[in-house]
Amino acid sequence: MSDDDGGGRILGFLGLGVMGTGMATRLVEAGYEVRVYNRTAAKTAPVVEAGARAVDTAAEAVDGAGLVVVSLADEPAVEKVLFGDAAPRLAEGALVVDTSTVSPDFARDAARRLAALGVRRVEACVFGNPMQARSGELRVLTAGDPADVDAARGVLEAVGKDIRHFGPPGSAAVMKLVLNMLIGTEIAALAEAAELGRGAGLDRDAVLDCVASSGVASMVMAFRAAIMRERRYEPAAFRTRLMAKDLRHAVDLAAVAGGGLPLAERALEIVTRAIDRGDGDKDLAVLAEHASPGTHTTHDRGDA
């Protein structure tokens, strides 16, 4: 790591969900001096064990840092942690690499607000699972000033194997919604396919295994089929309530463009049903328990 990567060797890291934990650990291993903040302090433990330093506030995490990585769940979290708590202590000229999945409008507004503070923002939406975050094999979708992306390249290459630039602020957010819309509809379809087979008398696990090893399966589908077979919905690799957020953003984005997303809207109905039944914080694979209104739930798992 170069000492001037992103404007300084001290790196602030805000947000340690399953993706953030993997990325922060990778950055420690890459030689960065990482200060981590998470609203649930106990979640800092594995990153601290790797060599990061936990701090009590977001402001303390970013104080004096030339580069700050943000990995937060949604727009309210970014608003509270980055703009509410950290912003007053961001150094002029600092580089914020924001990996949070937010709407394109929010991303554009965030870039403007940070620029008004003299702070640069690189939109760096990440695509992959927690294991890929930990191994540095994420796909990183970037937007913003290409010079700023280049300034953050050391960090981006530490966490990602494929870095692509899509244009001005908001562009990467659009691409991330495109990808997450595909995940949402794909896993909803997989859940309904497993239920179709089960309802018609096939062994549910045999159906999932066959799909996962067939030509129709993607890496995402095979990953979720394994979780469905084991009913191993916690800890979540991708929380169901976050998929609902992203599907809503995608549907809203299509509406602004004058179009519709009937498949995404149907997937959103299934995802919302899972959340309403108490499974919002479980992995998206839990849709297998909510594939149709009459399907068993995670609390009634009869597979006779």
C-alpha atoms as a PDB file:
ATOM      1  CA  MET A   1       0.000   0.000   0.000  1.00  0.00           C
ATOM      2  CA  SER A   2       1.225   3.480  -0.809  1.00  0.00           C
ATOM      3  CA  ASP A   3       1.162   5.922   2.087  1.00  0.00           C
ATOM      4  CA  ASP A   4      -0.630   8.485  -0.064  1.00  0.00           C
ATOM      5  CA  ASP A   5      -3.317   6.096  -1.352  1.00  0.00           C
ATOM      6  CA  GLY A   6      -6.558   8.056  -1.139  1.00  0.00           C
ATOM      7  CA  GLY A   7      -4.855  10.934   0.626  1.00  0.00           C
ATOM      8  CA  GLY A   8      -3.318   9.202   3.669  1.00  0.00           C
ATOM      9  CA  ARG A   9      -2.450   5.860   5.206  1.00  0.00           C
ATOM     10  CA  ILE A  10      -5.164   6.070   7.903  1.00  0.00           C
ATOM     11  CA  LEU A  11      -8.440   4.628   6.704  1.00  0.00           C
ATOM     12  CA  GLY A  12     -11.799   5.140   8.426  1.00  0.00           C
ATOM     13  CA  PHE A  13     -14.388   2.406   7.979  1.00  0.00           C
ATOM     14  CA  LEU A  14     -18.081   2.975   8.766  1.00  0.00           C
ATOM     15  CA  GLY A  15     -20.397  -0.035   8.969  1.00  0.00           C
ATOM     16  CA  LEU A  16     -19.607  -3.667   9.702  1.00  0.00           C
ATOM     17  CA  GLY A  17     -22.393  -5.769   8.305  1.00  0.00           C
ATOM     18  CA  VAL A  18     -21.479  -9.073   6.708  1.00  0.00           C
ATOM     19  CA  MET A  19     -19.997  -7.343   3.655  1.00  0.00           C
ATOM     20  CA  GLY A  20     -18.331  -4.556   5.588  1.00  0.00           C
ATOM     21  CA  THR A  21     -16.643  -6.994   7.967  1.00  0.00           C
ATOM     22  CA  GLY A  22     -15.089  -8.894   5.084  1.00  0.00           C
ATOM     23  CA  MET A  23     -13.927  -5.751   3.298  1.00  0.00           C
ATOM     24  CA  ALA A  24     -12.507  -4.136   6.441  1.00  0.00           C
ATOM     25  CA  THR A  25     -10.563  -7.297   7.250  1.00  0.00           C
ATOM     26  CA  ARG A  26      -9.152  -7.399   3.721  1.00  0.00           C
ATOM     27  CA  LEU A  27      -8.016  -3.796   4.041  1.00  0.00           C
ATOM     28  CA  VAL A  28      -6.227  -4.548   7.305  1.00  0.00           C
ATOM     29  CA  GLU A  29      -4.454  -7.427   5.588  1.00  0.00           C
ATOM     30  CA  ALA A  30      -3.541  -5.123   2.687  1.00  0.00           C
ATOM     31  CA  GLY A  31      -1.609  -2.948   5.116  1.00  0.00           C
ATOM     32  CA  TYR A  32      -4.051  -0.176   5.844  1.00  0.00           C
ATOM     33  CA  GLU A  33      -4.323   1.319   9.316  1.00  0.00           C
ATOM     34  CA  VAL A  34      -8.065   0.840   9.727  1.00  0.00           C
ATOM     35  CA  ARG A  35     -10.250   2.549  12.322  1.00  0.00           C
ATOM     36  CA  VAL A  36     -13.677   0.930  12.411  1.00  0.00           C
ATOM     37  CA  TYR A  37     -17.017   2.159  13.688  1.00  0.00           C
ATOM     38  CA  ASN A  38     -20.245   0.208  13.877  1.00  0.00           C
ATOM     39  CA  ARG A  39     -23.451   1.180  15.624  1.00  0.00           C
ATOM     40  CA  THR A  40     -23.557  -2.282  17.220  1.00  0.00           C
ATOM     41  CA  ALA A  41     -20.140  -2.198  18.841  1.00  0.00           C
ATOM     42  CA  ALA A  42     -19.912  -5.971  19.405  1.00  0.00           C
ATOM     43  CA  LYS A  43     -19.669  -6.516  15.634  1.00  0.00           C
ATOM     44  CA  THR A  44     -16.250  -4.865  15.571  1.00  0.00           C
ATOM     45  CA  ALA A  45     -14.649  -7.836  17.369  1.00  0.00           C
ATOM     46  CA  PRO A  46     -13.555  -9.960  14.365  1.00  0.00           C
ATOM     47  CA  VAL A  47     -12.053  -6.959  12.550  1.00  0.00           C
ATOM     48  CA  VAL A  48     -10.254  -5.813  15.692  1.00  0.00           C
ATOM     49  CA  GLU A  49      -8.871  -9.326  16.054  1.00  0.00           C
ATOM     50  CA  ALA A  50      -7.468  -8.967  12.526  1.00  0.00           C
ATOM     51  CA  GLY A  51      -5.700  -5.754  13.510  1.00  0.00           C
ATOM     52  CA  ALA A  52      -8.155  -2.880  13.115  1.00  0.00           C
ATOM     53  CA  ARG A  53      -8.857  -0.367  15.884  1.00  0.00           C
ATOM     54  CA  ALA A  54     -12.430   0.098  17.039  1.00  0.00           C
ATOM     55  CA  VAL A  55     -13.600   3.576  17.976  1.00  0.00           C
ATOM     56  CA  ASP A  56     -16.699   4.790  19.763  1.00  0.00           C
ATOM     57  CA  THR A  57     -18.069   7.250  17.198  1.00  0.00           C
ATOM     58  CA  ALA A  58     -18.216   7.705  13.443  1.00  0.00           C
ATOM     59  CA  ALA A  59     -16.566  11.112  13.899  1.00  0.00           C
ATOM     60  CA  GLU A  60     -13.588   9.513  15.589  1.00  0.00           C
ATOM     61  CA  ALA A  61     -13.286   6.941  12.813  1.00  0.00           C
ATOM     62  CA  VAL A  62     -12.956   9.590  10.094  1.00  0.00           C
ATOM     63  CA  ASP A  63     -10.956  12.192  12.022  1.00  0.00           C
ATOM     64  CA  GLY A  64      -7.708  12.770  10.137  1.00  0.00           C
ATOM     65  CA  ALA A  65      -8.388   9.966   7.660  1.00  0.00           C
ATOM     66  CA  GLY A  66      -7.538  10.674   4.048  1.00  0.00           C
ATOM     67  CA  LEU A  67      -9.859   7.920   2.921  1.00  0.00           C
ATOM     68  CA  VAL A  68     -13.128   6.684   4.412  1.00  0.00           C
ATOM     69  CA  VAL A  69     -15.017   3.550   3.362  1.00  0.00           C
ATOM     70  CA  VAL A  70     -18.751   3.484   3.993  1.00  0.00           C
ATOM     71  CA  SER A  71     -20.654   0.187   4.085  1.00  0.00           C
ATOM     72  CA  LEU A  72     -24.113   0.873   5.479  1.00  0.00           C
ATOM     73  CA  ALA A  73     -27.450  -0.861   5.015  1.00  0.00           C
ATOM     74  CA  ASP A  74     -29.634   1.877   3.581  1.00  0.00           C
ATOM     75  CA  GLU A  75     -30.205   5.580   3.055  1.00  0.00           C
ATOM     76  CA  PRO A  76     -31.332   6.357   6.628  1.00  0.00           C
ATOM     77  CA  ALA A  77     -28.158   4.719   7.935  1.00  0.00           C
ATOM     78  CA  VAL A  78     -25.976   6.730   5.553  1.00  0.00           C
ATOM     79  CA  GLU A  79     -27.844   9.880   6.536  1.00  0.00           C
ATOM     80  CA  LYS A  80     -27.337   9.237  10.230  1.00  0.00           C
ATOM     81  CA  VAL A  81     -23.799   7.845  10.323  1.00  0.00           C
ATOM     82  CA  LEU A  82     -22.058   9.642   7.458  1.00  0.00           C
ATOM     83  CA  PHE A  83     -23.877  12.955   7.231  1.00  0.00           C
ATOM     84  CA  GLY A  84     -25.143  13.260  10.779  1.00  0.00           C
ATOM     85  CA  ASP A  85     -22.183  11.984  12.784  1.00  0.00           C
ATOM     86  CA  ALA A  86     -19.073  11.809  10.606  1.00  0.00           C
ATOM     87  CA  ALA A  87     -19.391  14.739   8.190  1.00  0.00           C
ATOM     88  CA  PRO A  88     -18.282  17.492  10.609  1.00  0.00           C
ATOM     89  CA  ARG A  89     -14.964  15.694  11.111  1.00  0.00           C
ATOM     90  CA  LEU A  90     -14.239  14.788   7.497  1.00  0.00           C
ATOM     91  CA  ALA A  91     -11.000  16.405   6.379  1.00  0.00           C
ATOM     92  CA  GLU A  92     -11.135  18.746   3.393  1.00  0.00           C
ATOM     93  CA  GLY A  93      -9.983  16.790   0.365  1.00  0.00           C
ATOM     94  CA  ALA A  94     -10.748  13.444   1.980  1.00  0.00           C
ATOM     95  CA  LEU A  95     -12.018  10.672  -0.271  1.00  0.00           C
ATOM     96  CA  VAL A  96     -15.210   8.832   0.700  1.00  0.00           C
ATOM     97  CA  VAL A  97     -15.631   5.434  -0.960  1.00  0.00           C
ATOM     98  CA  ASP A  98     -19.297   4.607  -0.480  1.00  0.00           C
ATOM     99  CA  THR A  99     -20.214   0.960  -1.029  1.00  0.00           C
ATOM    100  CA  SER A 100     -23.775   1.293   0.338  1.00  0.00           C
ATOM    101  CA  THR A 101     -26.662   0.356  -1.961  1.00  0.00           C
ATOM    102  CA  VAL A 102     -28.825   3.458  -2.265  1.00  0.00           C
ATOM    103  CA  SER A 103     -31.071   4.968  -4.916  1.00  0.00           C
ATOM    104  CA  PRO A 104     -29.432   6.829  -7.809  1.00  0.00           C
ATOM    105  CA  ASP A 105     -31.028  10.102  -6.659  1.00  0.00           C
ATOM    106  CA  PHE A 106     -29.606   9.664  -3.157  1.00  0.00           C
ATOM    107  CA  ALA A 107     -26.178   8.857  -4.607  1.00  0.00           C
ATOM    108  CA  ARG A 108     -26.181  12.010  -6.717  1.00  0.00           C
ATOM    109  CA  ASP A 109     -27.322  14.118  -3.774  1.00  0.00           C
ATOM    110  CA  ALA A 110     -24.678  12.565  -1.498  1.00  0.00           C
ATOM    111  CA  ALA A 111     -21.966  13.478  -4.003  1.00  0.00           C
ATOM    112  CA  ARG A 112     -23.188  17.085  -4.132  1.00  0.00           C
ATOM    113  CA  ARG A 113     -23.403  17.390  -0.355  1.00  0.00           C
ATOM    114  CA  LEU A 114     -19.926  16.002   0.195  1.00  0.00           C
ATOM    115  CA  ALA A 115     -18.497  18.225  -2.546  1.00  0.00           C
ATOM    116  CA  ALA A 116     -19.935  21.229  -0.705  1.00  0.00           C
ATOM    117  CA  LEU A 117     -17.787  20.136   2.267  1.00  0.00           C
ATOM    118  CA  GLY A 118     -14.703  19.848   0.073  1.00  0.00           C
ATOM    119  CA  VAL A 119     -14.875  16.048   0.195  1.00  0.00           C
ATOM    120  CA  ARG A 120     -14.662  13.716  -2.825  1.00  0.00           C
ATOM    121  CA  ARG A 121     -17.044  10.780  -3.204  1.00  0.00           C
ATOM    122  CA  VAL A 122     -16.439   7.589  -5.135  1.00  0.00           C
ATOM    123  CA  GLU A 123     -19.540   5.519  -5.672  1.00  0.00           C
ATOM    124  CA  ALA A 124     -18.329   1.942  -5.297  1.00  0.00           C
ATOM    125  CA  CYS A 125     -21.240  -0.467  -5.225  1.00  0.00           C
ATOM    126  CA  VAL A 126     -20.015  -3.973  -4.504  1.00  0.00           C
ATOM    127  CA  PHE A 127     -21.504  -7.156  -5.908  1.00  0.00           C
ATOM    128  CA  GLY A 128     -20.854 -10.558  -4.403  1.00  0.00           C
ATOM    129  CA  ASN A 129     -21.271 -12.471  -1.158  1.00  0.00           C
ATOM    130  CA  PRO A 130     -19.551 -12.247   2.251  1.00  0.00           C
ATOM    131  CA  MET A 131     -17.031 -14.940   1.336  1.00  0.00           C
ATOM    132  CA  GLN A 132     -15.999 -12.955  -1.736  1.00  0.00           C
ATOM    133  CA  ALA A 133     -15.756  -9.793   0.371  1.00  0.00           C
ATOM    134  CA  ARG A 134     -13.412 -11.599   2.721  1.00  0.00           C
ATOM    135  CA  SER A 135     -11.269 -13.013  -0.105  1.00  0.00           C
ATOM    136  CA  GLY A 136     -11.102  -9.786  -2.129  1.00  0.00           C
ATOM    137  CA  GLU A 137     -13.086 -11.179  -5.051  1.00  0.00           C
ATOM    138  CA  LEU A 138     -15.982  -8.742  -5.219  1.00  0.00           C
ATOM    139  CA  ARG A 139     -17.069  -6.978  -8.377  1.00  0.00           C
ATOM    140  CA  VAL A 140     -16.883  -3.245  -7.801  1.00  0.00           C
ATOM    141  CA  LEU A 141     -19.151  -0.921  -9.783  1.00  0.00           C
ATOM    142  CA  THR A 142     -17.843   2.641  -9.646  1.00  0.00           C
ATOM    143  CA  ALA A 143     -19.136   6.091 -10.551  1.00  0.00           C
ATOM    144  CA  GLY A 144     -17.922   9.625 -10.075  1.00  0.00           C
ATOM    145  CA  ASP A 145     -14.842  11.529 -11.189  1.00  0.00           C
ATOM    146  CA  PRO A 146     -12.443   9.027 -12.825  1.00  0.00           C
ATOM    147  CA  ALA A 147      -9.525  10.790 -11.119  1.00  0.00           C
ATOM    148  CA  ASP A 148     -11.106  10.084  -7.731  1.00  0.00           C
ATOM    149  CA  VAL A 149     -11.682   6.454  -8.687  1.00  0.00           C
ATOM    150  CA  ASP A 150      -8.013   6.204  -9.589  1.00  0.00           C
ATOM    151  CA  ALA A 151      -7.079   7.751  -6.236  1.00  0.00           C
ATOM    152  CA  ALA A 152      -9.058   5.014  -4.487  1.00  0.00           C
ATOM    153  CA  ARG A 153      -7.753   2.207  -6.680  1.00  0.00           C
ATOM    154  CA  GLY A 154      -5.598   0.643  -3.976  1.00  0.00           C
ATOM    155  CA  VAL A 155      -8.640   0.161  -1.744  1.00  0.00           C
ATOM    156  CA  LEU A 156     -10.827  -0.984  -4.614  1.00  0.00           C
ATOM    157  CA  GLU A 157      -8.290  -3.561  -5.764  1.00  0.00           C
ATOM    158  CA  ALA A 158      -7.877  -4.860  -2.220  1.00  0.00           C
ATOM    159  CA  VAL A 159     -11.560  -5.814  -2.039  1.00  0.00           C
ATOM    160  CA  GLY A 160     -12.418  -6.474  -5.681  1.00  0.00           C
ATOM    161  CA  LYS A 161     -11.168  -8.487  -8.636  1.00  0.00           C
ATOM    162  CA  ASP A 162     -13.269  -6.692 -11.269  1.00  0.00           C
ATOM    163  CA  ILE A 163     -13.567  -2.904 -11.126  1.00  0.00           C
ATOM    164  CA  ARG A 164     -15.788  -1.181 -13.686  1.00  0.00           C
ATOM    165  CA  HIS A 165     -16.616   2.490 -14.129  1.00  0.00           C
ATOM    166  CA  PHE A 166     -20.116   3.462 -15.260  1.00  0.00           C
ATOM    167  CA  GLY A 167     -20.068   7.259 -15.400  1.00  0.00           C
ATOM    168  CA  PRO A 168     -21.202  10.191 -13.255  1.00  0.00           C
ATOM    169  CA  PRO A 169     -22.685   9.906  -9.735  1.00  0.00           C
ATOM    170  CA  GLY A 170     -25.720   7.632  -9.638  1.00  0.00           C
ATOM    171  CA  SER A 171     -24.537   5.415 -12.514  1.00  0.00           C
ATOM    172  CA  ALA A 172     -23.132   2.644 -10.347  1.00  0.00           C
ATOM    173  CA  ALA A 173     -26.259   2.747  -8.183  1.00  0.00           C
ATOM    174  CA  VAL A 174     -28.350   2.082 -11.295  1.00  0.00           C
ATOM    175  CA  MET A 175     -26.168  -0.868 -12.268  1.00  0.00           C
ATOM    176  CA  LYS A 176     -26.336  -2.298  -8.744  1.00  0.00           C
ATOM    177  CA  LEU A 177     -30.139  -2.114  -8.826  1.00  0.00           C
ATOM    178  CA  VAL A 178     -30.129  -3.893 -12.195  1.00  0.00           C
ATOM    179  CA  LEU A 179     -28.081  -6.721 -10.712  1.00  0.00           C
ATOM    180  CA  ASN A 180     -30.041  -6.931  -7.463  1.00  0.00           C
ATOM    181  CA  MET A 181     -33.333  -6.921  -9.353  1.00  0.00           C
ATOM    182  CA  LEU A 182     -32.079  -9.984 -11.219  1.00  0.00           C
ATOM    183  CA  ILE A 183     -31.105 -11.674  -7.944  1.00  0.00           C
ATOM    184  CA  GLY A 184     -34.491 -10.943  -6.392  1.00  0.00           C
ATOM    185  CA  THR A 185     -36.503 -12.308  -9.311  1.00  0.00           C
ATOM    186  CA  GLU A 186     -34.166 -15.288  -9.745  1.00  0.00           C
ATOM    187  CA  ILE A 187     -34.378 -16.412  -6.124  1.00  0.00           C
ATOM    188  CA  ALA A 188     -38.140 -15.877  -6.033  1.00  0.00           C
ATOM    189  CA  ALA A 189     -38.390 -18.104  -9.131  1.00  0.00           C
ATOM    190  CA  LEU A 190     -36.133 -20.716  -7.523  1.00  0.00           C
ATOM    191  CA  ALA A 191     -38.307 -20.733  -4.411  1.00  0.00           C
ATOM    192  CA  GLU A 192     -41.465 -21.224  -6.473  1.00  0.00           C
ATOM    193  CA  ALA A 193     -39.798 -23.954  -8.544  1.00  0.00           C
ATOM    194  CA  ALA A 194     -38.838 -25.866  -5.400  1.00  0.00           C
ATOM    195  CA  GLU A 195     -42.382 -25.520  -4.096  1.00  0.00           C
ATOM    196  CA  LEU A 196     -43.818 -26.676  -7.430  1.00  0.00           C
ATOM    197  CA  GLY A 197     -41.743 -29.839  -7.267  1.00  0.00           C
ATOM    198  CA  ARG A 198     -42.539 -30.460  -3.608  1.00  0.00           C
ATOM    199  CA  GLY A 199     -46.249 -29.878  -4.123  1.00  0.00           C
ATOM    200  CA  ALA A 200     -46.271 -32.332  -7.024  1.00  0.00           C
ATOM    201  CA  GLY A 201     -44.708 -35.081  -4.911  1.00  0.00           C
ATOM    202  CA  LEU A 202     -40.969 -34.694  -5.492  1.00  0.00           C
ATOM    203  CA  ASP A 203     -38.397 -34.531  -2.731  1.00  0.00           C
ATOM    204  CA  ARG A 204     -37.740 -30.828  -2.152  1.00  0.00           C
ATOM    205  CA  ASP A 205     -34.006 -31.244  -1.614  1.00  0.00           C
ATOM    206  CA  ALA A 206     -33.664 -33.375  -4.744  1.00  0.00           C
ATOM    207  CA  VAL A 207     -35.340 -30.618  -6.749  1.00  0.00           C
ATOM    208  CA  LEU A 208     -32.972 -27.972  -5.363  1.00  0.00           C
ATOM    209  CA  ASP A 209     -29.924 -30.161  -5.945  1.00  0.00           C
ATOM    210  CA  CYS A 210     -30.940 -30.886  -9.525  1.00  0.00           C
ATOM    211  CA  VAL A 211     -31.572 -27.211 -10.294  1.00  0.00           C
ATOM    212  CA  ALA A 212     -28.267 -26.141  -8.721  1.00  0.00           C
ATOM    213  CA  SER A 213     -26.270 -28.608 -10.834  1.00  0.00           C
ATOM    214  CA  SER A 214     -28.130 -27.934 -14.076  1.00  0.00           C
ATOM    215  CA  GLY A 215     -27.461 -25.554 -16.928  1.00  0.00           C
ATOM    216  CA  VAL A 216     -30.162 -23.155 -15.749  1.00  0.00           C
ATOM    217  CA  ALA A 217     -28.368 -22.384 -12.488  1.00  0.00           C
ATOM    218  CA  SER A 218     -26.219 -19.304 -11.966  1.00  0.00           C
ATOM    219  CA  MET A 219     -23.649 -18.941  -9.186  1.00  0.00           C
ATOM    220  CA  VAL A 220     -26.247 -16.977  -7.232  1.00  0.00           C
ATOM    221  CA  MET A 221     -28.891 -19.666  -7.713  1.00  0.00           C
ATOM    222  CA  ALA A 222     -26.549 -22.492  -6.738  1.00  0.00           C
ATOM    223  CA  PHE A 223     -25.420 -20.554  -3.637  1.00  0.00           C
ATOM    224  CA  ARG A 224     -29.016 -19.994  -2.516  1.00  0.00           C
ATOM    225  CA  ALA A 225     -30.126 -23.537  -3.380  1.00  0.00           C
ATOM    226  CA  ALA A 226     -27.562 -24.869  -0.885  1.00  0.00           C
ATOM    227  CA  ILE A 227     -28.921 -22.548   1.819  1.00  0.00           C
ATOM    228  CA  MET A 228     -32.476 -23.620   1.012  1.00  0.00           C
ATOM    229  CA  ARG A 229     -31.581 -27.302   1.271  1.00  0.00           C
ATOM    230  CA  GLU A 230     -30.019 -26.785   4.688  1.00  0.00           C
ATOM    231  CA  ARG A 231     -32.603 -24.177   5.773  1.00  0.00           C
ATOM    232  CA  ARG A 232     -29.591 -22.249   7.013  1.00  0.00           C
ATOM    233  CA  TYR A 233     -31.090 -18.781   6.797  1.00  0.00           C
ATOM    234  CA  GLU A 234     -29.013 -17.187   9.556  1.00  0.00           C
ATOM    235  CA  PRO A 235     -26.603 -15.495   9.586  1.00  0.00           C
ATOM    236  CA  ALA A 236     -27.835 -13.849   6.411  1.00  0.00           C
ATOM    237  CA  ALA A 237     -25.544 -13.309   3.452  1.00  0.00           C
ATOM    238  CA  PHE A 238     -28.184 -10.903   2.063  1.00  0.00           C
ATOM    239  CA  ARG A 239     -31.015  -9.892   4.361  1.00  0.00           C
ATOM    240  CA  THR A 240     -34.500 -10.228   2.906  1.00  0.00           C
ATOM    241  CA  ARG A 241     -35.527  -6.744   4.038  1.00  0.00           C
ATOM    242  CA  LEU A 242     -32.585  -5.252   2.113  1.00  0.00           C
ATOM    243  CA  MET A 243     -33.730  -6.998  -1.050  1.00  0.00           C
ATOM    244  CA  ALA A 244     -37.170  -5.460  -0.540  1.00  0.00           C
ATOM    245  CA  LYS A 245     -35.498  -2.041  -0.373  1.00  0.00           C
ATOM    246  CA  ASP A 246     -33.569  -2.657  -3.586  1.00  0.00           C
ATOM    247  CA  LEU A 247     -36.561  -4.030  -5.477  1.00  0.00           C
ATOM    248  CA  ARG A 248     -38.565  -0.961  -4.469  1.00  0.00           C
ATOM    249  CA  HIS A 249     -35.771   1.292  -5.712  1.00  0.00           C
ATOM    250  CA  ALA A 250     -35.716  -0.619  -9.018  1.00  0.00           C
ATOM    251  CA  VAL A 251     -39.493  -0.411  -9.447  1.00  0.00           C
ATOM    252  CA  ASP A 252     -39.420   3.310  -8.630  1.00  0.00           C
ATOM    253  CA  LEU A 253     -36.581   3.884 -11.082  1.00  0.00           C
ATOM    254  CA  ALA A 254     -38.530   2.144 -13.843  1.00  0.00           C
ATOM    255  CA  ALA A 255     -41.619   4.210 -13.044  1.00  0.00           C
ATOM    256  CA  VAL A 256     -39.645   7.446 -13.416  1.00  0.00           C
ATOM    257  CA  ALA A 257     -38.523   6.244 -16.841  1.00  0.00           C
ATOM    258  CA  GLY A 258     -42.149   5.552 -17.757  1.00  0.00           C
ATOM    259  CA  GLY A 259     -41.892   1.775 -17.670  1.00  0.00           C
ATOM    260  CA  GLY A 260     -42.778  -1.134 -15.442  1.00  0.00           C
ATOM    261  CA  LEU A 261     -41.091  -4.201 -13.991  1.00  0.00           C
ATOM    262  CA  PRO A 262     -43.827  -6.838 -13.596  1.00  0.00           C
ATOM    263  CA  LEU A 263     -41.402  -9.627 -12.633  1.00  0.00           C
ATOM    264  CA  ALA A 264     -39.655  -7.455 -10.051  1.00  0.00           C
ATOM    265  CA  GLU A 265     -43.030  -6.347  -8.698  1.00  0.00           C
ATOM    266  CA  ARG A 266     -44.078  -9.990  -8.263  1.00  0.00           C
ATOM    267  CA  ALA A 267     -40.767 -10.788  -6.565  1.00  0.00           C
ATOM    268  CA  LEU A 268     -41.308  -7.811  -4.260  1.00  0.00           C
ATOM    269  CA  GLU A 269     -44.686  -9.260  -3.235  1.00  0.00           C
ATOM    270  CA  ILE A 270     -43.023 -12.547  -2.253  1.00  0.00           C
ATOM    271  CA  VAL A 271     -40.201 -10.773  -0.429  1.00  0.00           C
ATOM    272  CA  THR A 272     -42.661  -8.537   1.399  1.00  0.00           C
ATOM    273  CA  ARG A 273     -44.692 -11.564   2.494  1.00  0.00           C
ATOM    274  CA  ALA A 274     -41.553 -13.098   4.009  1.00  0.00           C
ATOM    275  CA  ILE A 275     -40.845  -9.874   5.896  1.00  0.00           C
ATOM    276  CA  ASP A 276     -44.445  -9.633   7.127  1.00  0.00           C
ATOM    277  CA  ARG A 277     -44.116 -13.168   8.514  1.00  0.00           C
ATOM    278  CA  GLY A 278     -41.051 -12.214  10.541  1.00  0.00           C
ATOM    279  CA  ASP A 279     -38.213 -13.314   8.259  1.00  0.00           C
ATOM    280  CA  GLY A 280     -36.903  -9.924   7.173  1.00  0.00           C
ATOM    281  CA  ASP A 281     -33.507 -10.358   8.802  1.00  0.00           C
ATOM    282  CA  LYS A 282     -32.984 -13.870   7.439  1.00  0.00           C
ATOM    283  CA  ASP A 283     -31.165 -14.625   4.207  1.00  0.00           C
ATOM    284  CA  LEU A 284     -33.057 -14.108   0.969  1.00  0.00           C
ATOM    285  CA  ALA A 285     -33.095 -17.878   0.517  1.00  0.00           C
ATOM    286  CA  VAL A 286     -35.897 -17.916   3.103  1.00  0.00           C
ATOM    287  CA  LEU A 287     -38.209 -17.150   0.183  1.00  0.00           C
ATOM    288  CA  ALA A 288     -38.317 -20.931  -0.179  1.00  0.00           C
ATOM    289  CA  GLU A 289     -40.567 -20.895   2.880  1.00  0.00           C
ATOM    290  CA  HIS A 290     -42.901 -18.290   1.362  1.00  0.00           C
ATOM    291  CA  ALA A 291     -43.152 -19.292  -2.278  1.00  0.00           C
ATOM    292  CA  SER A 292     -46.951 -19.249  -2.335  1.00  0.00           C
ATOM    293  CA  PRO A 293     -49.655 -18.081   0.112  1.00  0.00           C
ATOM    294  CA  GLY A 294     -50.412 -21.640   1.153  1.00  0.00           C
ATOM    295  CA  THR A 295     -46.821 -22.734   1.593  1.00  0.00           C
ATOM    296  CA  HIS A 296     -45.453 -23.813   4.962  1.00  0.00           C
ATOM    297  CA  THR A 297     -43.413 -21.177   6.768  1.00  0.00           C
ATOM    298  CA  THR A 298     -40.200 -21.403   8.723  1.00  0.00           C
ATOM    299  CA  HIS A 299     -42.369 -22.050  11.759  1.00  0.00           C
ATOM    300  CA  ASP A 300     -44.253 -24.900  10.096  1.00  0.00           C
ATOM    301  CA  ARG A 301     -41.829 -26.926   8.059  1.00  0.00           C
ATOM    302  CA  GLY A 302     -43.809 -30.010   7.167  1.00  0.00           C
ATOM    303  CA  ASP A 303     -42.328 -31.613   4.095  1.00  0.00           C
ATOM    304  CA  ALA A 304     -44.280 -34.832   4.186  1.00  0.00           C
END
